[in-house]
C-alpha atoms as a PDB file:
ATOM      1  CA  MET A   1      77.906  88.000 125.361  1.00  0.00           C
ATOM      2  CA  PRO A   2      80.720  86.615 127.524  1.00  0.00           C
ATOM      3  CA  GLU A   3      84.038  88.381 127.149  1.00  0.00           C
ATOM      4  CA  GLY A   4      85.674  85.523 125.243  1.00  0.00           C
ATOM      5  CA  ASP A   5      82.879  85.358 122.623  1.00  0.00           C
ATOM      6  CA  ARG A   6      83.007  88.878 121.240  1.00  0.00           C
ATOM      7  CA  GLY A   7      83.545  88.730 117.481  1.00  0.00           C
ATOM      8  CA  GLY A   8      83.925  91.265 114.786  1.00  0.00           C
ATOM      9  CA  VAL A   9      86.235  93.027 112.444  1.00  0.00           C
ATOM     10  CA  GLY A  10      88.876  95.511 113.498  1.00  0.00           C
ATOM     11  CA  ALA A  11      92.496  96.531 113.137  1.00  0.00           C
ATOM     12  CA  ASN A  12      95.484  95.297 115.091  1.00  0.00           C
ATOM     13  CA  SER A  13      98.280  97.529 116.425  1.00  0.00           C
ATOM     14  CA  SER A  14     100.019  97.596 113.033  1.00  0.00           C
ATOM     15  CA  GLY A  15      96.858  98.842 111.346  1.00  0.00           C
ATOM     16  CA  ARG A  16      96.105  95.539 109.656  1.00  0.00           C
ATOM     17  CA  MET A  17      92.470  94.534 109.451  1.00  0.00           C
ATOM     18  CA  VAL A  18      91.643  91.367 111.326  1.00  0.00           C
ATOM     19  CA  THR A  19      88.541  89.284 111.775  1.00  0.00           C
ATOM     20  CA  GLY A  20      87.792  86.704 114.378  1.00  0.00           C
ATOM     21  CA  ARG A  21      86.915  86.355 118.031  1.00  0.00           C
ATOM     22  CA  LYS A  22      88.674  87.869 121.000  1.00  0.00           C
ATOM     23  CA  THR A  23      90.464  85.625 123.435  1.00  0.00           C
ATOM     24  CA  ARG A  24      90.147  86.040 127.202  1.00  0.00           C
ATOM     25  CA  LYS A  25      93.136  88.369 127.145  1.00  0.00           C
ATOM     26  CA  GLY A  26      91.347  90.683 124.693  1.00  0.00           C
ATOM     27  CA  ARG A  27      93.469  89.843 121.638  1.00  0.00           C
ATOM     28  CA  LYS A  28      91.844  88.851 118.388  1.00  0.00           C
ATOM     29  CA  ARG A  29      92.527  85.559 116.741  1.00  0.00           C
ATOM     30  CA  ALA A  30      93.144  86.746 113.221  1.00  0.00           C
ATOM     31  CA  SER A  31      91.940  84.993 110.171  1.00  0.00           C
ATOM     32  CA  ALA A  32      95.041  86.081 108.248  1.00  0.00           C
ATOM     33  CA  GLU A  33      94.026  84.661 104.896  1.00  0.00           C
ATOM     34  CA  VAL A  34      90.621  86.349 104.916  1.00  0.00           C
ATOM     35  CA  SER A  35      92.130  89.587 106.184  1.00  0.00           C
ATOM     36  CA  ALA A  36      94.833  89.673 103.509  1.00  0.00           C
ATOM     37  CA  GLU A  37      92.325  88.809 100.777  1.00  0.00           C
ATOM     38  CA  VAL A  38      89.900  91.537 101.895  1.00  0.00           C
ATOM     39  CA  ARG A  39      92.678  94.124 102.072  1.00  0.00           C
ATOM     40  CA  ALA A  40      94.016  93.093  98.667  1.00  0.00           C
ATOM     41  CA  GLN A  41      90.513  93.475  97.172  1.00  0.00           C
ATOM     42  CA  GLN A  42      90.236  96.914  98.762  1.00  0.00           C
ATOM     43  CA  ALA A  43      93.690  97.786  97.415  1.00  0.00           C
ATOM     44  CA  VAL A  44      92.640  96.835  93.874  1.00  0.00           C
ATOM     45  CA  GLU A  45      89.458  98.904  94.184  1.00  0.00           C
ATOM     46  CA  LEU A  46      91.463 101.924  95.379  1.00  0.00           C
ATOM     47  CA  LYS A  47      93.935 101.457  92.516  1.00  0.00           C
ATOM     48  CA  ILE A  48      91.069 101.337  90.013  1.00  0.00           C
ATOM     49  CA  GLN A  49      89.785 104.595  91.503  1.00  0.00           C
ATOM     50  CA  GLY A  50      93.168 106.173  90.746  1.00  0.00           C
ATOM     51  CA  HIS A  51      94.901 106.153  94.126  1.00  0.00           C
ATOM     52  CA  SER A  52      98.692 105.844  94.284  1.00  0.00           C
ATOM     53  CA  TYR A  53     100.329 102.899  96.008  1.00  0.00           C
ATOM     54  CA  GLU A  54     101.478 105.264  98.769  1.00  0.00           C
ATOM     55  CA  GLU A  55      97.870 106.333  99.388  1.00  0.00           C
ATOM     56  CA  ILE A  56      96.673 102.717  99.325  1.00  0.00           C
ATOM     57  CA  ALA A  57      99.380 101.689 101.813  1.00  0.00           C
ATOM     58  CA  LYS A  58      98.415 104.495 104.183  1.00  0.00           C
ATOM     59  CA  GLU A  59      94.662 103.850 103.828  1.00  0.00           C
ATOM     60  CA  LEU A  60      94.851 100.080 104.359  1.00  0.00           C
ATOM     61  CA  GLY A  61      97.737  99.894 106.804  1.00  0.00           C
ATOM     62  CA  TYR A  62     100.439  98.366 104.621  1.00  0.00           C
ATOM     63  CA  ALA A  63     103.990  99.036 105.781  1.00  0.00           C
ATOM     64  CA  GLY A  64     104.790 100.860 102.548  1.00  0.00           C
ATOM     65  CA  ARG A  65     104.002 101.273  98.879  1.00  0.00           C
ATOM     66  CA  GLN A  66     105.733  97.964  98.042  1.00  0.00           C
ATOM     67  CA  GLY A  67     103.308  96.060 100.285  1.00  0.00           C
ATOM     68  CA  ALA A  68     100.334  97.665  98.555  1.00  0.00           C
ATOM     69  CA  PHE A  69     101.860  96.972  95.136  1.00  0.00           C
ATOM     70  CA  GLU A  70     102.502  93.311  95.990  1.00  0.00           C
ATOM     71  CA  ALA A  71      98.929  92.904  97.308  1.00  0.00           C
ATOM     72  CA  VAL A  72      97.440  94.305  94.098  1.00  0.00           C
ATOM     73  CA  LYS A  73      99.818  92.248  91.959  1.00  0.00           C
ATOM     74  CA  SER A  74      99.046  89.057  93.884  1.00  0.00           C
ATOM     75  CA  LEU A  75      95.288  89.490  93.709  1.00  0.00           C
ATOM     76  CA  LEU A  76      95.362  90.365  90.026  1.00  0.00           C
ATOM     77  CA  LYS A  77      97.203  87.123  89.367  1.00  0.00           C
ATOM     78  CA  LYS A  78      94.425  85.233  91.142  1.00  0.00           C
ATOM     79  CA  SER A  79      91.447  87.350  90.185  1.00  0.00           C
ATOM     80  CA  THR A  80      89.135  87.086  87.275  1.00  0.00           C
ATOM     81  CA  ALA A  81      90.042  88.457  83.906  1.00  0.00           C
ATOM     82  CA  GLU A  82      87.304  91.064  84.320  1.00  0.00           C
ATOM     83  CA  LYS A  83      89.148  92.984  87.049  1.00  0.00           C
ATOM     84  CA  VAL A  84      92.445  92.716  85.206  1.00  0.00           C
ATOM     85  CA  GLY A  85      90.766  93.847  82.009  1.00  0.00           C
ATOM     86  CA  GLU A  86      89.089  96.730  83.820  1.00  0.00           C
ATOM     87  CA  LEU A  87      92.360  97.891  85.381  1.00  0.00           C
ATOM     88  CA  ARG A  88      94.189  97.518  82.047  1.00  0.00           C
ATOM     89  CA  LYS A  89      91.439  99.485  80.266  1.00  0.00           C
ATOM     90  CA  ILE A  90      91.608 102.305  82.836  1.00  0.00           C
ATOM     91  CA  SER A  91      95.417 102.359  82.755  1.00  0.00           C
ATOM     92  CA  ASN A  92      95.388 102.474  78.959  1.00  0.00           C
ATOM     93  CA  ALA A  93      92.927 105.389  79.020  1.00  0.00           C
ATOM     94  CA  ARG A  94      95.150 107.295  81.459  1.00  0.00           C
ATOM     95  CA  ILE A  95      98.270 106.663  79.390  1.00  0.00           C
ATOM     96  CA  GLU A  96      96.475 107.706  76.202  1.00  0.00           C
ATOM     97  CA  ALA A  97      95.294 110.913  77.897  1.00  0.00           C
ATOM     98  CA  ILE A  98      98.881 111.723  78.897  1.00  0.00           C
ATOM     99  CA  ILE A  99     100.077 111.094  75.354  1.00  0.00           C
ATOM    100  CA  ALA A 100      97.262 113.209  73.884  1.00  0.00           C
ATOM    101  CA  ALA A 101      98.068 116.100  76.222  1.00  0.00           C
ATOM    102  CA  HIS A 102     101.827 116.085  75.642  1.00  0.00           C
ATOM    103  CA  MET A 103     102.174 114.986  72.002  1.00  0.00           C
ATOM    104  CA  PRO A 104     101.350 118.437  70.517  1.00  0.00           C
ATOM    105  CA  LEU A 105     104.001 120.038  72.740  1.00  0.00           C
ATOM    106  CA  ALA A 106     106.531 117.308  72.019  1.00  0.00           C
ATOM    107  CA  THR A 107     106.168 117.539  68.243  1.00  0.00           C
ATOM    108  CA  ARG A 108     105.459 121.218  67.674  1.00  0.00           C
ATOM    109  CA  SER A 109     107.598 123.210  65.307  1.00  0.00           C
ATOM    110  CA  GLY A 110     107.129 126.257  63.157  1.00  0.00           C
ATOM    111  CA  SER A 111     105.960 129.599  64.454  1.00  0.00           C
ATOM    112  CA  GLU A 112     103.133 131.089  66.448  1.00  0.00           C
ATOM    113  CA  LEU A 113     101.584 134.523  66.608  1.00  0.00           C
ATOM    114  CA  VAL A 114     102.176 136.328  69.904  1.00  0.00           C
ATOM    115  CA  VAL A 115     101.088 139.739  71.167  1.00  0.00           C
ATOM    116  CA  CYS A 116     103.972 141.679  72.669  1.00  0.00           C
ATOM    117  CA  LEU A 117     103.786 144.180  75.548  1.00  0.00           C
ATOM    118  CA  ASP A 118     103.760 147.049  73.086  1.00  0.00           C
ATOM    119  CA  GLY A 119     100.541 145.629  71.581  1.00  0.00           C
ATOM    120  CA  LYS A 120     102.125 144.516  68.298  1.00  0.00           C
ATOM    121  CA  GLU A 121     101.704 141.015  66.939  1.00  0.00           C
ATOM    122  CA  ARG A 122     104.870 139.145  66.075  1.00  0.00           C
ATOM    123  CA  ARG A 123     105.722 135.630  64.968  1.00  0.00           C
ATOM    124  CA  ARG A 124     107.866 133.539  67.275  1.00  0.00           C
ATOM    125  CA  LYS A 125     109.635 130.268  66.402  1.00  0.00           C
ATOM    126  CA  THR A 126     108.384 127.277  68.329  1.00  0.00           C
ATOM    127  CA  LYS A 127     110.487 124.311  69.317  1.00  0.00           C
ATOM    128  CA  PRO A 128     109.457 120.893  70.560  1.00  0.00           C
ATOM    129  CA  ASN A 129     109.225 120.698  74.344  1.00  0.00           C
ATOM    130  CA  VAL A 130     111.896 118.271  75.542  1.00  0.00           C
ATOM    131  CA  ASN A 131     110.104 117.498  78.825  1.00  0.00           C
ATOM    132  CA  SER A 132     106.880 116.686  76.983  1.00  0.00           C
ATOM    133  CA  ALA A 133     108.793 114.509  74.530  1.00  0.00           C
ATOM    134  CA  ASP A 134     110.296 112.595  77.467  1.00  0.00           C
ATOM    135  CA  ILE A 135     106.860 112.161  79.056  1.00  0.00           C
ATOM    136  CA  VAL A 136     105.419 110.886  75.761  1.00  0.00           C
ATOM    137  CA  LEU A 137     108.238 108.365  75.313  1.00  0.00           C
ATOM    138  CA  LYS A 138     107.827 107.072  78.864  1.00  0.00           C
ATOM    139  CA  ALA A 139     104.054 106.807  78.408  1.00  0.00           C
ATOM    140  CA  ILE A 140     104.509 104.887  75.155  1.00  0.00           C
ATOM    141  CA  ARG A 141     106.914 102.458  76.877  1.00  0.00           C
ATOM    142  CA  GLU A 142     104.405 101.964  79.716  1.00  0.00           C
ATOM    143  CA  HIS A 143     101.604 101.407  77.193  1.00  0.00           C
ATOM    144  CA  ARG A 144     103.633  98.814  75.295  1.00  0.00           C
ATOM    145  CA  ALA A 145     104.594  96.998  78.518  1.00  0.00           C
ATOM    146  CA  LEU A 146     101.010  97.039  79.840  1.00  0.00           C
ATOM    147  CA  ASN A 147      99.713  95.462  76.649  1.00  0.00           C
ATOM    148  CA  GLY A 148     102.570  92.987  76.158  1.00  0.00           C
ATOM    149  CA  LEU A 149     103.712  94.532  72.889  1.00  0.00           C
ATOM    150  CA  ASP A 150     107.426  94.211  73.595  1.00  0.00           C
ATOM    151  CA  MET A 151     107.922  90.516  73.096  1.00  0.00           C
ATOM    152  CA  PRO A 152     111.568  89.567  72.763  1.00  0.00           C
ATOM    153  CA  ALA A 153     112.788  88.900  69.240  1.00  0.00           C
ATOM    154  CA  GLN A 154     113.891  85.312  68.767  1.00  0.00           C
ATOM    155  CA  LEU A 155     116.243  83.926  66.175  1.00  0.00           C
ATOM    156  CA  HIS A 156     116.005  80.258  65.305  1.00  0.00           C
ATOM    157  CA  VAL A 157     118.411  78.569  62.911  1.00  0.00           C
ATOM    158  CA  THR A 158     116.245  75.834  61.509  1.00  0.00           C
ATOM    159  CA  ASP A 159     118.355  74.561  58.633  1.00  0.00           C
ATOM    160  CA  LYS A 160     122.092  74.526  59.216  1.00  0.00           C
ATOM    161  CA  THR A 161     122.742  73.474  55.605  1.00  0.00           C
ATOM    162  CA  LYS A 162     121.723  76.965  54.583  1.00  0.00           C
ATOM    163  CA  ALA A 163     124.110  78.505  57.097  1.00  0.00           C
ATOM    164  CA  PRO A 164     127.577  76.999  56.486  1.00  0.00           C
ATOM    165  CA  ALA A 165     129.225  80.301  57.432  1.00  0.00           C
ATOM    166  CA  TYR A 166     127.512  80.047  60.819  1.00  0.00           C
ATOM    167  CA  ASP A 167     129.137  76.667  61.495  1.00  0.00           C
ATOM    168  CA  ALA A 168     132.533  77.884  60.267  1.00  0.00           C
ATOM    169  CA  ILE A 169     132.380  80.856  62.599  1.00  0.00           C
ATOM    170  CA  LEU A 170     131.432  78.657  65.567  1.00  0.00           C
ATOM    171  CA  ASP A 171     134.276  76.232  64.775  1.00  0.00           C
ATOM    172  CA  ARG A 172     136.822  79.036  64.483  1.00  0.00           C
ATOM    173  CA  LEU A 173     135.642  80.652  67.749  1.00  0.00           C
ATOM    174  CA  SER A 174     135.898  77.285  69.523  1.00  0.00           C
ATOM    175  CA  ARG A 175     139.493  76.819  68.294  1.00  0.00           C
ATOM    176  CA  ILE A 176     140.467  80.346  69.339  1.00  0.00           C
ATOM    177  CA  ALA A 177     138.918  79.850  72.791  1.00  0.00           C
ATOM    178  CA  ALA A 178     140.685  76.492  73.238  1.00  0.00           C
ATOM    179  CA  ALA A 179     144.013  77.972  72.156  1.00  0.00           C
ATOM    180  CA  ALA A 180     143.601  80.904  74.510  1.00  0.00           C
ATOM    181  CA  ALA A 181     142.686  78.621  77.416  1.00  0.00           C
ATOM    182  CA  THR A 182     145.663  76.307  76.962  1.00  0.00           C
ATOM    183  CA  GLY A 183     148.120  78.879  75.698  1.00  0.00           C
ATOM    184  CA  THR A 184     148.876  76.749  72.664  1.00  0.00           C
ATOM    185  CA  GLY A 185     147.935  76.767  69.039  1.00  0.00           C
ATOM    186  CA  ASP A 186     147.361  79.528  66.584  1.00  0.00           C
ATOM    187  CA  SER A 187     144.858  82.089  67.848  1.00  0.00           C
ATOM    188  CA  LYS A 188     145.359  84.638  65.083  1.00  0.00           C
ATOM    189  CA  PRO A 189     142.374  85.205  62.800  1.00  0.00           C
ATOM    190  CA  GLU A 190     142.152  83.462  59.463  1.00  0.00           C
ATOM    191  CA  PRO A 191     142.306  85.622  56.341  1.00  0.00           C
ATOM    192  CA  GLU A 192     139.013  86.658  54.735  1.00  0.00           C
ATOM    193  CA  GLY A 193     137.473  84.068  52.412  1.00  0.00           C
ATOM    194  CA  GLY A 194     139.492  81.188  53.754  1.00  0.00           C
END
């Protein structure tokens, strides 16, 4: 093959995978879109296998964990629901395993039988483990966020005729704000019931 026609897949000086053909000067013409897509797919596969974003960044040549995170996030937005569902299922299983391991320690109370150095059995009071409780709470928050369980509460006033106090409060606040802004008028609160 002539020097300018060599093709293949490799890595550039920054560690990024590139595909394409070499130019006469020996540099590869990168197909950036294909390269980024392939690396993002590899990043998702590594994440599914349980690798951290730091490990993924090092393995695939991202500048840091944020680059690996963004690649996974971007591909998951574009990918099929199967991959997202698979990653969510695995993440849920991991979170549930953490909760199962730490919940008994976080909620324990009472007493336990222990054997002392002198060979006698004694009862010892047990207390909940604060670190385990913290881990459980964090895992529960992560679980709720992963599954979209923390939707914001919304309040809609649909019938203002049933909320005359609401309108009176808004009117009074508007008058107080206007008086404060201009320095005129009575800004003291009205007596209760009037």
